Full PDB file with SEQRES, HELIX, SHEET, SSBOND, CRYST1, ORIGX, SCALE, CONECT and MASTER records, all heavy atoms in Angstrom:
SEQRES   1 A   42  ARG GLU ILE VAL ARG ILE GLY ASN ARG ALA VAL LYS LYS          
SEQRES   2 A   42  ALA GLN LYS GLU SER LEU GLU MET GLY ILE PRO ASN VAL          
SEQRES   3 A   42  TYR SER LEU ASN GLY VAL ILE PHE TYR GLN LEU PRO ASP          
SEQRES   4 A   42  GLY THR ILE                                                  
HELIX    1 AA1 GLU A    2  GLU A   20  1                                  19    
SHEET    1 AA1 2 ASN A  25  LEU A  29  0                                        
SHEET    2 AA1 2 VAL A  32  GLN A  36 -1                                        
CRYST1    1.000    1.000    1.000  90.00  90.00  90.00 P 1           1          
ORIGX1      1.000000  0.000000  0.000000        0.00000                         
ORIGX2      0.000000  1.000000  0.000000        0.00000                         
ORIGX3      0.000000  0.000000  1.000000        0.00000                         
SCALE1      1.000000  0.000000  0.000000        0.00000                         
SCALE2      0.000000  1.000000  0.000000        0.00000                         
SCALE3      0.000000  0.000000  1.000000        0.00000                         
ATOM      1  N   ARG A   1      41.238 -30.070 -14.022  1.00  0.00           N  
ATOM      2  CA  ARG A   1      42.016 -31.311 -14.223  1.00  0.00           C  
ATOM      3  C   ARG A   1      41.827 -31.807 -15.635  1.00  0.00           C  
ATOM      4  O   ARG A   1      42.783 -32.260 -16.243  1.00  0.00           O  
ATOM      5  CB  ARG A   1      41.523 -32.292 -13.208  1.00  0.00           C  
ATOM      6  CG  ARG A   1      42.372 -33.523 -13.099  1.00  0.00           C  
ATOM      7  CD  ARG A   1      42.009 -34.345 -11.904  1.00  0.00           C  
ATOM      8  NE  ARG A   1      41.843 -35.678 -12.319  1.00  0.00           N  
ATOM      9  CZ  ARG A   1      41.406 -36.655 -11.566  1.00  0.00           C  
ATOM     10  NH1 ARG A   1      41.058 -36.420 -10.355  1.00  0.00           N  
ATOM     11  NH2 ARG A   1      41.306 -37.894 -11.997  1.00  0.00           N  
ATOM     12  N   GLU A   2      40.624 -31.762 -16.152  1.00  0.00           N  
ATOM     13  CA  GLU A   2      40.326 -32.227 -17.514  1.00  0.00           C  
ATOM     14  C   GLU A   2      41.072 -31.371 -18.543  1.00  0.00           C  
ATOM     15  O   GLU A   2      41.608 -31.854 -19.530  1.00  0.00           O  
ATOM     16  CB  GLU A   2      38.823 -32.283 -17.786  1.00  0.00           C  
ATOM     17  CG  GLU A   2      38.437 -32.730 -19.148  1.00  0.00           C  
ATOM     18  CD  GLU A   2      38.726 -34.176 -19.408  1.00  0.00           C  
ATOM     19  OE1 GLU A   2      39.125 -34.909 -18.489  1.00  0.00           O  
ATOM     20  OE2 GLU A   2      38.529 -34.611 -20.555  1.00  0.00           O  
ATOM     21  N   ILE A   3      41.048 -30.062 -18.323  1.00  0.00           N  
ATOM     22  CA  ILE A   3      41.737 -29.146 -19.269  1.00  0.00           C  
ATOM     23  C   ILE A   3      43.272 -29.442 -19.250  1.00  0.00           C  
ATOM     24  O   ILE A   3      43.883 -29.505 -20.350  1.00  0.00           O  
ATOM     25  CB  ILE A   3      41.450 -27.658 -18.871  1.00  0.00           C  
ATOM     26  CG1 ILE A   3      40.010 -27.341 -19.212  1.00  0.00           C  
ATOM     27  CG2 ILE A   3      42.423 -26.751 -19.600  1.00  0.00           C  
ATOM     28  CD1 ILE A   3      39.566 -26.033 -18.660  1.00  0.00           C  
ATOM     29  N   VAL A   4      43.855 -29.651 -18.068  1.00  0.00           N  
ATOM     30  CA  VAL A   4      45.261 -29.994 -18.003  1.00  0.00           C  
ATOM     31  C   VAL A   4      45.554 -31.294 -18.678  1.00  0.00           C  
ATOM     32  O   VAL A   4      46.549 -31.462 -19.439  1.00  0.00           O  
ATOM     33  CB  VAL A   4      45.728 -30.012 -16.533  1.00  0.00           C  
ATOM     34  CG1 VAL A   4      47.132 -30.584 -16.404  1.00  0.00           C  
ATOM     35  CG2 VAL A   4      45.674 -28.588 -15.956  1.00  0.00           C  
ATOM     36  N   ARG A   5      44.699 -32.261 -18.504  1.00  0.00           N  
ATOM     37  CA  ARG A   5      44.877 -33.606 -19.137  1.00  0.00           C  
ATOM     38  C   ARG A   5      44.855 -33.487 -20.628  1.00  0.00           C  
ATOM     39  O   ARG A   5      45.723 -34.036 -21.385  1.00  0.00           O  
ATOM     40  CB  ARG A   5      43.787 -34.558 -18.668  1.00  0.00           C  
ATOM     41  CG  ARG A   5      43.991 -36.025 -19.160  1.00  0.00           C  
ATOM     42  CD  ARG A   5      42.784 -36.850 -18.785  1.00  0.00           C  
ATOM     43  NE  ARG A   5      41.592 -36.480 -19.493  1.00  0.00           N  
ATOM     44  CZ  ARG A   5      41.331 -36.774 -20.786  1.00  0.00           C  
ATOM     45  NH1 ARG A   5      42.179 -37.425 -21.538  1.00  0.00           N  
ATOM     46  NH2 ARG A   5      40.200 -36.378 -21.367  1.00  0.00           N  
ATOM     47  N   ILE A   6      43.937 -32.758 -21.179  1.00  0.00           N  
ATOM     48  CA  ILE A   6      43.820 -32.537 -22.618  1.00  0.00           C  
ATOM     49  C   ILE A   6      45.051 -31.818 -23.110  1.00  0.00           C  
ATOM     50  O   ILE A   6      45.638 -32.133 -24.164  1.00  0.00           O  
ATOM     51  CB  ILE A   6      42.545 -31.790 -22.959  1.00  0.00           C  
ATOM     52  CG1 ILE A   6      41.302 -32.657 -22.726  1.00  0.00           C  
ATOM     53  CG2 ILE A   6      42.556 -31.317 -24.402  1.00  0.00           C  
ATOM     54  CD1 ILE A   6      40.010 -31.955 -22.769  1.00  0.00           C  
ATOM     55  N   GLY A   7      45.464 -30.779 -22.418  1.00  0.00           N  
ATOM     56  CA  GLY A   7      46.665 -30.045 -22.829  1.00  0.00           C  
ATOM     57  C   GLY A   7      47.924 -30.908 -22.819  1.00  0.00           C  
ATOM     58  O   GLY A   7      48.779 -30.843 -23.754  1.00  0.00           O  
ATOM     59  N   ASN A   8      48.079 -31.707 -21.780  1.00  0.00           N  
ATOM     60  CA  ASN A   8      49.261 -32.579 -21.683  1.00  0.00           C  
ATOM     61  C   ASN A   8      49.255 -33.581 -22.875  1.00  0.00           C  
ATOM     62  O   ASN A   8      50.341 -33.863 -23.403  1.00  0.00           O  
ATOM     63  CB  ASN A   8      49.290 -33.356 -20.335  1.00  0.00           C  
ATOM     64  CG  ASN A   8      49.653 -32.462 -19.211  1.00  0.00           C  
ATOM     65  OD1 ASN A   8      50.260 -31.401 -19.388  1.00  0.00           O  
ATOM     66  ND2 ASN A   8      49.329 -32.884 -17.979  1.00  0.00           N  
ATOM     67  N   ARG A   9      48.144 -34.113 -23.179  1.00  0.00           N  
ATOM     68  CA  ARG A   9      48.023 -35.054 -24.308  1.00  0.00           C  
ATOM     69  C   ARG A   9      48.406 -34.381 -25.604  1.00  0.00           C  
ATOM     70  O   ARG A   9      49.116 -34.956 -26.432  1.00  0.00           O  
ATOM     71  CB  ARG A   9      46.627 -35.627 -24.375  1.00  0.00           C  
ATOM     72  CG  ARG A   9      46.449 -36.725 -25.385  1.00  0.00           C  
ATOM     73  CD  ARG A   9      45.077 -37.287 -25.469  1.00  0.00           C  
ATOM     74  NE  ARG A   9      44.810 -38.023 -24.232  1.00  0.00           N  
ATOM     75  CZ  ARG A   9      43.575 -38.411 -23.865  1.00  0.00           C  
ATOM     76  NH1 ARG A   9      42.531 -38.213 -24.643  1.00  0.00           N  
ATOM     77  NH2 ARG A   9      43.428 -39.101 -22.755  1.00  0.00           N  
ATOM     78  N   ALA A  10      47.935 -33.146 -25.818  1.00  0.00           N  
ATOM     79  CA  ALA A  10      48.262 -32.453 -27.016  1.00  0.00           C  
ATOM     80  C   ALA A  10      49.723 -32.132 -27.170  1.00  0.00           C  
ATOM     81  O   ALA A  10      50.298 -32.217 -28.244  1.00  0.00           O  
ATOM     82  CB  ALA A  10      47.392 -31.163 -27.109  1.00  0.00           C  
ATOM     83  N   VAL A  11      50.339 -31.728 -26.051  1.00  0.00           N  
ATOM     84  CA  VAL A  11      51.783 -31.435 -26.066  1.00  0.00           C  
ATOM     85  C   VAL A  11      52.573 -32.687 -26.407  1.00  0.00           C  
ATOM     86  O   VAL A  11      53.517 -32.676 -27.221  1.00  0.00           O  
ATOM     87  CB  VAL A  11      52.235 -30.860 -24.696  1.00  0.00           C  
ATOM     88  CG1 VAL A  11      53.743 -30.828 -24.596  1.00  0.00           C  
ATOM     89  CG2 VAL A  11      51.670 -29.456 -24.573  1.00  0.00           C  
ATOM     90  N   LYS A  12      52.270 -33.842 -25.788  1.00  0.00           N  
ATOM     91  CA  LYS A  12      52.989 -35.067 -26.047  1.00  0.00           C  
ATOM     92  C   LYS A  12      52.812 -35.445 -27.521  1.00  0.00           C  
ATOM     93  O   LYS A  12      53.796 -35.932 -28.143  1.00  0.00           O  
ATOM     94  CB  LYS A  12      52.460 -36.172 -25.135  1.00  0.00           C  
ATOM     95  CG  LYS A  12      52.974 -36.058 -23.700  1.00  0.00           C  
ATOM     96  CD  LYS A  12      52.435 -37.187 -22.834  1.00  0.00           C  
ATOM     97  CE  LYS A  12      52.757 -36.922 -21.343  1.00  0.00           C  
ATOM     98  NZ  LYS A  12      54.111 -37.345 -20.989  1.00  0.00           N  
ATOM     99  N   LYS A  13      51.650 -35.330 -28.061  1.00  0.00           N  
ATOM    100  CA  LYS A  13      51.422 -35.614 -29.457  1.00  0.00           C  
ATOM    101  C   LYS A  13      52.293 -34.749 -30.374  1.00  0.00           C  
ATOM    102  O   LYS A  13      52.921 -35.193 -31.309  1.00  0.00           O  
ATOM    103  CB  LYS A  13      49.941 -35.467 -29.851  1.00  0.00           C  
ATOM    104  CG  LYS A  13      49.642 -35.833 -31.244  1.00  0.00           C  
ATOM    105  CD  LYS A  13      48.168 -35.579 -31.525  1.00  0.00           C  
ATOM    106  CE  LYS A  13      47.930 -35.878 -33.074  1.00  0.00           C  
ATOM    107  NZ  LYS A  13      46.642 -35.395 -33.525  1.00  0.00           N  
ATOM    108  N   ALA A  14      52.306 -33.431 -30.072  1.00  0.00           N  
ATOM    109  CA  ALA A  14      53.103 -32.508 -30.868  1.00  0.00           C  
ATOM    110  C   ALA A  14      54.606 -32.829 -30.773  1.00  0.00           C  
ATOM    111  O   ALA A  14      55.294 -32.733 -31.790  1.00  0.00           O  
ATOM    112  CB  ALA A  14      52.835 -31.044 -30.431  1.00  0.00           C  
ATOM    113  N   GLN A  15      55.050 -33.156 -29.581  1.00  0.00           N  
ATOM    114  CA  GLN A  15      56.468 -33.528 -29.414  1.00  0.00           C  
ATOM    115  C   GLN A  15      56.851 -34.758 -30.238  1.00  0.00           C  
ATOM    116  O   GLN A  15      57.887 -34.793 -30.907  1.00  0.00           O  
ATOM    117  CB  GLN A  15      56.774 -33.768 -27.913  1.00  0.00           C  
ATOM    118  CG  GLN A  15      56.776 -32.496 -27.097  1.00  0.00           C  
ATOM    119  CD  GLN A  15      56.826 -32.761 -25.605  1.00  0.00           C  
ATOM    120  OE1 GLN A  15      56.416 -33.833 -25.108  1.00  0.00           O  
ATOM    121  NE2 GLN A  15      57.370 -31.851 -24.900  1.00  0.00           N  
ATOM    122  N   LYS A  16      55.972 -35.769 -30.192  1.00  0.00           N  
ATOM    123  CA  LYS A  16      56.197 -36.961 -30.936  1.00  0.00           C  
ATOM    124  C   LYS A  16      56.182 -36.691 -32.460  1.00  0.00           C  
ATOM    125  O   LYS A  16      57.080 -37.143 -33.195  1.00  0.00           O  
ATOM    126  CB  LYS A  16      55.090 -37.982 -30.619  1.00  0.00           C  
ATOM    127  CG  LYS A  16      55.263 -39.324 -31.339  1.00  0.00           C  
ATOM    128  CD  LYS A  16      54.109 -40.273 -30.939  1.00  0.00           C  
ATOM    129  CE  LYS A  16      54.331 -41.560 -31.634  1.00  0.00           C  
ATOM    130  NZ  LYS A  16      53.223 -42.019 -32.431  1.00  0.00           N  
ATOM    131  N   GLU A  17      55.266 -35.883 -32.922  1.00  0.00           N  
ATOM    132  CA  GLU A  17      55.216 -35.570 -34.350  1.00  0.00           C  
ATOM    133  C   GLU A  17      56.455 -34.775 -34.778  1.00  0.00           C  
ATOM    134  O   GLU A  17      56.968 -35.069 -35.889  1.00  0.00           O  
ATOM    135  CB  GLU A  17      53.962 -34.727 -34.657  1.00  0.00           C  
ATOM    136  CG  GLU A  17      52.699 -35.586 -34.558  1.00  0.00           C  
ATOM    137  CD  GLU A  17      51.437 -34.746 -34.693  1.00  0.00           C  
ATOM    138  OE1 GLU A  17      51.499 -33.498 -34.813  1.00  0.00           O  
ATOM    139  OE2 GLU A  17      50.317 -35.343 -34.667  1.00  0.00           O  
ATOM    140  N   SER A  18      56.929 -33.869 -33.964  1.00  0.00           N  
ATOM    141  CA  SER A  18      58.144 -33.100 -34.265  1.00  0.00           C  
ATOM    142  C   SER A  18      59.317 -34.030 -34.448  1.00  0.00           C  
ATOM    143  O   SER A  18      60.082 -33.930 -35.421  1.00  0.00           O  
ATOM    144  CB  SER A  18      58.457 -32.063 -33.187  1.00  0.00           C  
ATOM    145  OG  SER A  18      57.497 -31.063 -33.140  1.00  0.00           O  
ATOM    146  N   LEU A  19      59.480 -34.918 -33.519  1.00  0.00           N  
ATOM    147  CA  LEU A  19      60.636 -35.881 -33.588  1.00  0.00           C  
ATOM    148  C   LEU A  19      60.486 -36.745 -34.847  1.00  0.00           C  
ATOM    149  O   LEU A  19      61.518 -37.033 -35.504  1.00  0.00           O  
ATOM    150  CB  LEU A  19      60.720 -36.724 -32.326  1.00  0.00           C  
ATOM    151  CG  LEU A  19      61.079 -35.989 -31.059  1.00  0.00           C  
ATOM    152  CD1 LEU A  19      60.983 -36.899 -29.875  1.00  0.00           C  
ATOM    153  CD2 LEU A  19      62.440 -35.345 -31.162  1.00  0.00           C  
ATOM    154  N   GLU A  20      59.315 -37.174 -35.132  1.00  0.00           N  
ATOM    155  CA  GLU A  20      59.072 -38.012 -36.352  1.00  0.00           C  
ATOM    156  C   GLU A  20      59.414 -37.261 -37.637  1.00  0.00           C  
ATOM    157  O   GLU A  20      59.821 -37.860 -38.587  1.00  0.00           O  
ATOM    158  CB  GLU A  20      57.615 -38.473 -36.421  1.00  0.00           C  
ATOM    159  CG  GLU A  20      57.327 -39.553 -35.405  1.00  0.00           C  
ATOM    160  CD  GLU A  20      55.818 -39.885 -35.292  1.00  0.00           C  
ATOM    161  OE1 GLU A  20      55.000 -39.244 -35.965  1.00  0.00           O  
ATOM    162  OE2 GLU A  20      55.507 -40.883 -34.564  1.00  0.00           O  
ATOM    163  N   MET A  21      59.264 -35.911 -37.603  1.00  0.00           N  
ATOM    164  CA  MET A  21      59.643 -35.138 -38.770  1.00  0.00           C  
ATOM    165  C   MET A  21      61.123 -34.679 -38.764  1.00  0.00           C  
ATOM    166  O   MET A  21      61.525 -33.909 -39.616  1.00  0.00           O  
ATOM    167  CB  MET A  21      58.765 -33.868 -38.797  1.00  0.00           C  
ATOM    168  CG  MET A  21      57.270 -34.153 -39.090  1.00  0.00           C  
ATOM    169  SD  MET A  21      56.249 -32.710 -39.405  1.00  0.00           S  
ATOM    170  CE  MET A  21      56.298 -31.948 -37.795  1.00  0.00           C  
ATOM    171  N   GLY A  22      61.838 -35.106 -37.763  1.00  0.00           N  
ATOM    172  CA  GLY A  22      63.231 -34.775 -37.638  1.00  0.00           C  
ATOM    173  C   GLY A  22      63.538 -33.435 -36.995  1.00  0.00           C  
ATOM    174  O   GLY A  22      64.676 -32.921 -37.093  1.00  0.00           O  
ATOM    175  N   ILE A  23      62.538 -32.883 -36.314  1.00  0.00           N  
ATOM    176  CA  ILE A  23      62.725 -31.597 -35.665  1.00  0.00           C  
ATOM    177  C   ILE A  23      63.011 -31.793 -34.136  1.00  0.00           C  
ATOM    178  O   ILE A  23      62.176 -32.459 -33.469  1.00  0.00           O  
ATOM    179  CB  ILE A  23      61.460 -30.727 -35.803  1.00  0.00           C  
ATOM    180  CG1 ILE A  23      61.171 -30.532 -37.275  1.00  0.00           C  
ATOM    181  CG2 ILE A  23      61.586 -29.438 -35.075  1.00  0.00           C  
ATOM    182  CD1 ILE A  23      59.811 -29.964 -37.572  1.00  0.00           C  
ATOM    183  N   PRO A  24      64.090 -31.350 -33.640  1.00  0.00           N  
ATOM    184  CA  PRO A  24      64.387 -31.567 -32.203  1.00  0.00           C  
ATOM    185  C   PRO A  24      63.429 -30.799 -31.316  1.00  0.00           C  
ATOM    186  O   PRO A  24      62.946 -29.712 -31.672  1.00  0.00           O  
ATOM    187  CB  PRO A  24      65.789 -30.964 -32.033  1.00  0.00           C  
ATOM    188  CG  PRO A  24      66.391 -30.998 -33.395  1.00  0.00           C  
ATOM    189  CD  PRO A  24      65.215 -30.778 -34.353  1.00  0.00           C  
ATOM    190  N   ASN A  25      63.071 -31.367 -30.167  1.00  0.00           N  
ATOM    191  CA  ASN A  25      62.247 -30.661 -29.173  1.00  0.00           C  
ATOM    192  C   ASN A  25      63.181 -29.834 -28.307  1.00  0.00           C  
ATOM    193  O   ASN A  25      64.349 -30.190 -28.067  1.00  0.00           O  
ATOM    194  CB  ASN A  25      61.446 -31.636 -28.359  1.00  0.00           C  
ATOM    195  CG  ASN A  25      60.372 -32.294 -29.132  1.00  0.00           C  
ATOM    196  OD1 ASN A  25      59.654 -31.693 -29.890  1.00  0.00           O  
ATOM    197  ND2 ASN A  25      60.197 -33.612 -28.909  1.00  0.00           N  
ATOM    198  N   VAL A  26      62.665 -28.745 -27.806  1.00  0.00           N  
ATOM    199  CA  VAL A  26      63.426 -27.793 -26.970  1.00  0.00           C  
ATOM    200  C   VAL A  26      62.784 -27.684 -25.594  1.00  0.00           C  
ATOM    201  O   VAL A  26      61.564 -27.512 -25.460  1.00  0.00           O  
ATOM    202  CB  VAL A  26      63.534 -26.423 -27.623  1.00  0.00           C  
ATOM    203  CG1 VAL A  26      64.357 -25.509 -26.786  1.00  0.00           C  
ATOM    204  CG2 VAL A  26      64.012 -26.454 -29.079  1.00  0.00           C  
ATOM    205  N   TYR A  27      63.634 -27.796 -24.554  1.00  0.00           N  
ATOM    206  CA  TYR A  27      63.128 -27.645 -23.210  1.00  0.00           C  
ATOM    207  C   TYR A  27      64.070 -26.689 -22.403  1.00  0.00           C  
ATOM    208  O   TYR A  27      65.209 -26.525 -22.781  1.00  0.00           O  
ATOM    209  CB  TYR A  27      63.205 -29.004 -22.482  1.00  0.00           C  
ATOM    210  CG  TYR A  27      62.415 -30.118 -23.225  1.00  0.00           C  
ATOM    211  CD1 TYR A  27      63.031 -30.955 -24.085  1.00  0.00           C  
ATOM    212  CD2 TYR A  27      61.038 -30.252 -22.998  1.00  0.00           C  
ATOM    213  CE1 TYR A  27      62.328 -31.942 -24.730  1.00  0.00           C  
ATOM    214  CE2 TYR A  27      60.329 -31.255 -23.683  1.00  0.00           C  
ATOM    215  CZ  TYR A  27      60.999 -32.062 -24.566  1.00  0.00           C  
ATOM    216  OH  TYR A  27      60.303 -33.022 -25.203  1.00  0.00           O  
ATOM    217  N   SER A  28      63.534 -26.149 -21.325  1.00  0.00           N  
ATOM    218  CA  SER A  28      64.377 -25.306 -20.465  1.00  0.00           C  
ATOM    219  C   SER A  28      64.205 -25.789 -19.061  1.00  0.00           C  
ATOM    220  O   SER A  28      63.013 -26.020 -18.585  1.00  0.00           O  
ATOM    221  CB  SER A  28      63.961 -23.834 -20.615  1.00  0.00           C  
ATOM    222  OG  SER A  28      64.639 -23.060 -19.701  1.00  0.00           O  
ATOM    223  N   LEU A  29      65.294 -25.940 -18.318  1.00  0.00           N  
ATOM    224  CA  LEU A  29      65.258 -26.344 -16.921  1.00  0.00           C  
ATOM    225  C   LEU A  29      66.254 -25.446 -16.149  1.00  0.00           C  
ATOM    226  O   LEU A  29      67.418 -25.481 -16.456  1.00  0.00           O  
ATOM    227  CB  LEU A  29      65.590 -27.814 -16.779  1.00  0.00           C  
ATOM    228  CG  LEU A  29      65.618 -28.368 -15.346  1.00  0.00           C  
ATOM    229  CD1 LEU A  29      64.217 -28.302 -14.699  1.00  0.00           C  
ATOM    230  CD2 LEU A  29      66.135 -29.811 -15.353  1.00  0.00           C  
ATOM    231  N   ASN A  30      65.703 -24.652 -15.256  1.00  0.00           N  
ATOM    232  CA  ASN A  30      66.539 -23.781 -14.460  1.00  0.00           C  
ATOM    233  C   ASN A  30      67.383 -22.820 -15.341  1.00  0.00           C  
ATOM    234  O   ASN A  30      68.527 -22.599 -15.062  1.00  0.00           O  
ATOM    235  CB  ASN A  30      67.445 -24.524 -13.456  1.00  0.00           C  
ATOM    236  CG  ASN A  30      66.607 -25.299 -12.440  1.00  0.00           C  
ATOM    237  OD1 ASN A  30      65.592 -24.837 -12.001  1.00  0.00           O  
ATOM    238  ND2 ASN A  30      67.117 -26.461 -12.076  1.00  0.00           N  
ATOM    239  N   GLY A  31      66.820 -22.403 -16.435  1.00  0.00           N  
ATOM    240  CA  GLY A  31      67.460 -21.445 -17.344  1.00  0.00           C  
ATOM    241  C   GLY A  31      68.414 -22.087 -18.320  1.00  0.00           C  
ATOM    242  O   GLY A  31      69.068 -21.415 -19.112  1.00  0.00           O  
ATOM    243  N   VAL A  32      68.567 -23.415 -18.289  1.00  0.00           N  
ATOM    244  CA  VAL A  32      69.446 -24.108 -19.194  1.00  0.00           C  
ATOM    245  C   VAL A  32      68.548 -24.730 -20.322  1.00  0.00           C  
ATOM    246  O   VAL A  32      67.551 -25.423 -20.025  1.00  0.00           O  
ATOM    247  CB  VAL A  32      70.259 -25.241 -18.491  1.00  0.00           C  
ATOM    248  CG1 VAL A  32      71.124 -26.027 -19.489  1.00  0.00           C  
ATOM    249  CG2 VAL A  32      71.073 -24.649 -17.383  1.00  0.00           C  
ATOM    250  N   ILE A  33      68.948 -24.493 -21.520  1.00  0.00           N  
ATOM    251  CA  ILE A  33      68.219 -25.015 -22.712  1.00  0.00           C  
ATOM    252  C   ILE A  33      68.752 -26.425 -23.106  1.00  0.00           C  
ATOM    253  O   ILE A  33      69.968 -26.607 -23.208  1.00  0.00           O  
ATOM    254  CB  ILE A  33      68.322 -24.060 -23.922  1.00  0.00           C  
ATOM    255  CG1 ILE A  33      67.636 -22.719 -23.559  1.00  0.00           C  
ATOM    256  CG2 ILE A  33      67.614 -24.687 -25.139  1.00  0.00           C  
ATOM    257  CD1 ILE A  33      67.729 -21.652 -24.592  1.00  0.00           C  
ATOM    258  N   PHE A  34      67.814 -27.326 -23.202  1.00  0.00           N  
ATOM    259  CA  PHE A  34      68.109 -28.734 -23.595  1.00  0.00           C  
ATOM    260  C   PHE A  34      67.372 -29.043 -24.892  1.00  0.00           C  
ATOM    261  O   PHE A  34      66.268 -28.533 -25.176  1.00  0.00           O  
ATOM    262  CB  PHE A  34      67.653 -29.738 -22.570  1.00  0.00           C  
ATOM    263  CG  PHE A  34      68.416 -29.601 -21.258  1.00  0.00           C  
ATOM    264  CD1 PHE A  34      67.936 -28.735 -20.252  1.00  0.00           C  
ATOM    265  CD2 PHE A  34      69.506 -30.366 -21.031  1.00  0.00           C  
ATOM    266  CE1 PHE A  34      68.617 -28.639 -19.061  1.00  0.00           C  
ATOM    267  CE2 PHE A  34      70.219 -30.247 -19.800  1.00  0.00           C  
ATOM    268  CZ  PHE A  34      69.746 -29.401 -18.854  1.00  0.00           C  
ATOM    269  N   TYR A  35      68.000 -29.887 -25.738  1.00  0.00           N  
ATOM    270  CA  TYR A  35      67.379 -30.306 -26.988  1.00  0.00           C  
ATOM    271  C   TYR A  35      67.248 -31.839 -26.956  1.00  0.00           C  
ATOM    272  O   TYR A  35      68.180 -32.508 -26.591  1.00  0.00           O  
ATOM    273  CB  TYR A  35      68.286 -29.883 -28.177  1.00  0.00           C  
ATOM    274  CG  TYR A  35      68.492 -28.404 -28.241  1.00  0.00           C  
ATOM    275  CD1 TYR A  35      69.589 -27.821 -27.624  1.00  0.00           C  
ATOM    276  CD2 TYR A  35      67.616 -27.577 -28.938  1.00  0.00           C  
ATOM    277  CE1 TYR A  35      69.783 -26.468 -27.644  1.00  0.00           C  
ATOM    278  CE2 TYR A  35      67.792 -26.226 -29.022  1.00  0.00           C  
ATOM    279  CZ  TYR A  35      68.882 -25.639 -28.381  1.00  0.00           C  
ATOM    280  OH  TYR A  35      69.091 -24.309 -28.441  1.00  0.00           O  
ATOM    281  N   GLN A  36      66.074 -32.307 -27.355  1.00  0.00           N  
ATOM    282  CA  GLN A  36      65.880 -33.753 -27.510  1.00  0.00           C  
ATOM    283  C   GLN A  36      65.891 -33.984 -28.994  1.00  0.00           C  
ATOM    284  O   GLN A  36      65.019 -33.555 -29.765  1.00  0.00           O  
ATOM    285  CB  GLN A  36      64.518 -34.196 -26.928  1.00  0.00           C  
ATOM    286  CG  GLN A  36      64.279 -35.672 -27.133  1.00  0.00           C  
ATOM    287  CD  GLN A  36      62.871 -36.039 -26.679  1.00  0.00           C  
ATOM    288  OE1 GLN A  36      62.000 -35.198 -26.640  1.00  0.00           O  
ATOM    289  NE2 GLN A  36      62.664 -37.312 -26.464  1.00  0.00           N  
ATOM    290  N   LEU A  37      66.898 -34.732 -29.450  1.00  0.00           N  
ATOM    291  CA  LEU A  37      67.105 -34.992 -30.880  1.00  0.00           C  
ATOM    292  C   LEU A  37      66.208 -36.163 -31.310  1.00  0.00           C  
ATOM    293  O   LEU A  37      65.740 -36.974 -30.465  1.00  0.00           O  
ATOM    294  CB  LEU A  37      68.542 -35.338 -31.162  1.00  0.00           C  
ATOM    295  CG  LEU A  37      69.576 -34.265 -30.683  1.00  0.00           C  
ATOM    296  CD1 LEU A  37      71.003 -34.761 -30.990  1.00  0.00           C  
ATOM    297  CD2 LEU A  37      69.279 -32.932 -31.309  1.00  0.00           C  
ATOM    298  N   PRO A  38      65.893 -36.272 -32.598  1.00  0.00           N  
ATOM    299  CA  PRO A  38      65.014 -37.330 -33.063  1.00  0.00           C  
ATOM    300  C   PRO A  38      65.457 -38.715 -32.686  1.00  0.00           C  
ATOM    301  O   PRO A  38      64.644 -39.631 -32.581  1.00  0.00           O  
ATOM    302  CB  PRO A  38      65.040 -37.125 -34.611  1.00  0.00           C  
ATOM    303  CG  PRO A  38      65.273 -35.626 -34.751  1.00  0.00           C  
ATOM    304  CD  PRO A  38      66.233 -35.300 -33.646  1.00  0.00           C  
ATOM    305  N   ASP A  39      66.793 -38.939 -32.457  1.00  0.00           N  
ATOM    306  CA  ASP A  39      67.269 -40.300 -32.082  1.00  0.00           C  
ATOM    307  C   ASP A  39      67.118 -40.500 -30.577  1.00  0.00           C  
ATOM    308  O   ASP A  39      67.514 -41.561 -30.091  1.00  0.00           O  
ATOM    309  CB  ASP A  39      68.709 -40.478 -32.536  1.00  0.00           C  
ATOM    310  CG  ASP A  39      69.736 -39.636 -31.797  1.00  0.00           C  
ATOM    311  OD1 ASP A  39      69.340 -38.821 -30.900  1.00  0.00           O  
ATOM    312  OD2 ASP A  39      70.909 -39.720 -32.157  1.00  0.00           O  
ATOM    313  N   GLY A  40      66.582 -39.526 -29.850  1.00  0.00           N  
ATOM    314  CA  GLY A  40      66.381 -39.690 -28.414  1.00  0.00           C  
ATOM    315  C   GLY A  40      67.452 -39.054 -27.540  1.00  0.00           C  
ATOM    316  O   GLY A  40      67.283 -38.940 -26.317  1.00  0.00           O  
ATOM    317  N   THR A  41      68.550 -38.655 -28.173  1.00  0.00           N  
ATOM    318  CA  THR A  41      69.668 -38.020 -27.422  1.00  0.00           C  
ATOM    319  C   THR A  41      69.212 -36.665 -26.829  1.00  0.00           C  
ATOM    320  O   THR A  41      68.476 -35.933 -27.445  1.00  0.00           O  
ATOM    321  CB  THR A  41      70.846 -37.730 -28.414  1.00  0.00           C  
ATOM    322  OG1 THR A  41      71.231 -38.960 -28.996  1.00  0.00           O  
ATOM    323  CG2 THR A  41      71.994 -37.105 -27.677  1.00  0.00           C  
ATOM    324  N   ILE A  42      69.631 -36.419 -25.606  1.00  0.00           N  
ATOM    325  CA  ILE A  42      69.384 -35.120 -24.928  1.00  0.00           C  
ATOM    326  C   ILE A  42      70.730 -34.422 -24.918  1.00  0.00           C  
ATOM    327  O   ILE A  42      71.758 -34.982 -24.445  1.00  0.00           O  
ATOM    328  CB  ILE A  42      68.873 -35.360 -23.501  1.00  0.00           C  
ATOM    329  CG1 ILE A  42      67.614 -36.212 -23.460  1.00  0.00           C  
ATOM    330  CG2 ILE A  42      68.643 -33.984 -22.798  1.00  0.00           C  
ATOM    331  CD1 ILE A  42      66.365 -35.614 -24.088  1.00  0.00           C  
TER     332      ILE A  42                                                      
MASTER        0    0    0    1    2    0    0    6  331    1    0    4          
END                                                                             
């Protein structure tokens, strides 16, 4: 549980930093690729 908590925190930090640098985050759900743009648009 502690390892998962640390990993989740690190991922959220990296996602936030990417958006702050203007780099969209990429996600996949059921084989569909989604992008989260720095302005929050999905």
